Each structure stands twice: as C-alpha cells, then as structure tokens.
Amino acid sequence: MARVSLRLPALLVDLVGEETLDLDAATPADALAAAARSVPALRTHLFDAAGELRQHVLCFKNEHALRGDGLREPLVDGDRLRIHQAVSGG
C-alpha cells in the first residue's frame, strides 16, 4: 500500500468538505474505491451502475491521464492523483 493524495474538482469539494483526501491504496482504482468508501456520496459521482469509472470522469496520476489498465498501475508513496469531471453542453 502506498500513501497518496487525491485532489477533487471544485464540483465535489462542497460534497466532501475538503479539496484533498489522503489515502492508502495499491492502485489508482483502489484509491478511488477507498475515497468512495470514505465519502459514500462520491460513488454516484465517480462510478456508473456497473462500478466502472464514469465516462466523463478523468483521473490523472502525477499529471498523466489514466484510463482502462492505467487505473491498475501500482502506486508509490507520494503519488498525486487528481480527478477532473468533463463538462459539456450544447
């Protein structure tokens, strides 16, 4: 397990009460699951009904975008994860 920080977008800060969560996790996917366990209301904002990361939710590890298998990359102490929620309209 690595000690990492997860920075949340402004849209979720009011829900959580803080901008950054410090978590122990082996992978980014584990960190996101831990965040959802810590703040259950995050689950609906991060994951779809199948438990997959929502299509409009972007996860970055140390400034690199992660998708698919990237969410299972090992983490090391001090890694920084960041969530962005894409916003679209027409």
Protein backbone atom coordinates (compact mmCIF):
# COMPACT_ATOMS: atom_id res chain seq x y z
CA MET A 1 0.00 0.00 0.00
CA ALA A 2 1.12 3.50 -0.82
CA ARG A 3 0.14 6.73 0.88
CA VAL A 4 -1.23 9.02 -1.85
CA SER A 5 -3.26 12.19 -2.16
CA LEU A 6 -6.43 12.51 -4.23
CA ARG A 7 -7.34 16.04 -5.31
CA LEU A 8 -11.00 16.59 -6.08
CA PRO A 9 -12.56 19.08 -8.50
CA ALA A 10 -14.38 22.13 -7.16
CA LEU A 11 -17.70 20.47 -8.04
CA LEU A 12 -17.01 17.76 -5.43
CA VAL A 13 -15.24 19.80 -2.74
CA ASP A 14 -18.54 21.00 -1.25
CA LEU A 15 -19.76 17.40 -1.09
CA VAL A 16 -16.60 16.13 0.62
CA GLY A 17 -15.71 19.17 2.71
CA GLU A 18 -12.07 19.22 1.62
CA GLU A 19 -10.11 19.52 -1.60
CA THR A 20 -7.68 16.68 -0.98
CA LEU A 21 -8.07 13.23 0.56
CA ASP A 22 -5.05 11.31 1.85
CA LEU A 23 -5.50 7.61 1.16
CA ASP A 24 -3.68 4.29 1.41
CA ALA A 25 -4.03 2.35 -1.85
CA ALA A 26 -2.15 -0.06 -4.11
CA THR A 27 -3.55 1.31 -7.42
CA PRO A 28 -5.48 4.36 -8.62
CA ALA A 29 -8.60 2.17 -8.86
CA ASP A 30 -8.11 1.19 -5.21
CA ALA A 31 -7.69 4.87 -4.24
CA LEU A 32 -10.93 5.84 -5.98
CA ALA A 33 -12.77 2.97 -4.29
CA ALA A 34 -11.31 3.99 -0.91
CA ALA A 35 -12.47 7.57 -1.48
CA ALA A 36 -15.98 6.32 -2.25
CA ARG A 37 -15.95 4.20 0.92
CA SER A 38 -14.76 7.19 2.95
CA VAL A 39 -17.37 9.53 1.44
CA PRO A 40 -20.21 7.33 0.12
CA ALA A 41 -21.83 10.21 -1.79
CA LEU A 42 -18.78 10.21 -4.09
CA ARG A 43 -19.75 6.81 -5.51
CA THR A 44 -22.53 8.18 -7.71
CA HIS A 45 -20.28 10.98 -8.98
CA LEU A 46 -17.33 8.72 -9.83
CA PHE A 47 -18.78 5.33 -10.79
CA ASP A 48 -21.59 4.14 -13.05
CA ALA A 49 -24.11 1.39 -12.17
CA ALA A 50 -21.63 -1.29 -13.29
CA GLY A 51 -18.97 0.05 -10.90
CA GLU A 52 -16.80 1.44 -13.72
CA LEU A 53 -15.37 4.94 -13.70
CA ARG A 54 -17.92 7.23 -15.35
CA GLN A 55 -17.07 8.22 -18.90
CA HIS A 56 -16.92 11.94 -18.05
CA VAL A 57 -14.61 11.40 -15.04
CA LEU A 58 -10.91 11.76 -15.80
CA CYS A 59 -8.22 10.53 -13.43
CA PHE A 60 -4.64 11.75 -13.51
CA LYS A 61 -1.61 10.29 -11.74
CA ASN A 62 1.23 12.78 -11.36
CA GLU A 63 -0.09 14.79 -14.34
CA HIS A 64 -0.58 11.73 -16.62
CA ALA A 65 -4.10 10.79 -17.69
CA LEU A 66 -5.18 7.27 -16.76
CA ARG A 67 -7.81 5.09 -18.41
CA GLY A 68 -8.50 1.37 -18.52
CA ASP A 69 -5.43 -0.60 -17.41
CA GLY A 70 -3.77 2.60 -16.21
CA LEU A 71 -6.13 2.57 -13.24
CA ARG A 72 -4.43 -0.67 -12.14
CA GLU A 73 -0.87 0.70 -12.24
CA PRO A 74 0.97 0.39 -8.93
CA LEU A 75 1.18 3.48 -6.75
CA VAL A 76 4.14 4.57 -4.65
CA ASP A 77 4.21 6.79 -1.58
CA GLY A 78 3.73 10.41 -2.53
CA ASP A 79 1.90 9.84 -5.81
CA ARG A 80 -0.66 12.54 -6.55
CA LEU A 81 -3.99 11.61 -8.06
CA ARG A 82 -6.37 14.21 -9.45
CA ILE A 83 -9.97 13.92 -10.61
CA HIS A 84 -11.49 16.08 -13.31
CA GLN A 85 -15.11 15.96 -14.38
CA ALA A 86 -15.59 16.84 -18.02
CA VAL A 87 -18.43 19.28 -18.58
CA SER A 88 -20.18 19.54 -21.90
CA GLY A 89 -23.21 21.24 -23.28
CA GLY A 90 -24.81 22.28 -26.45
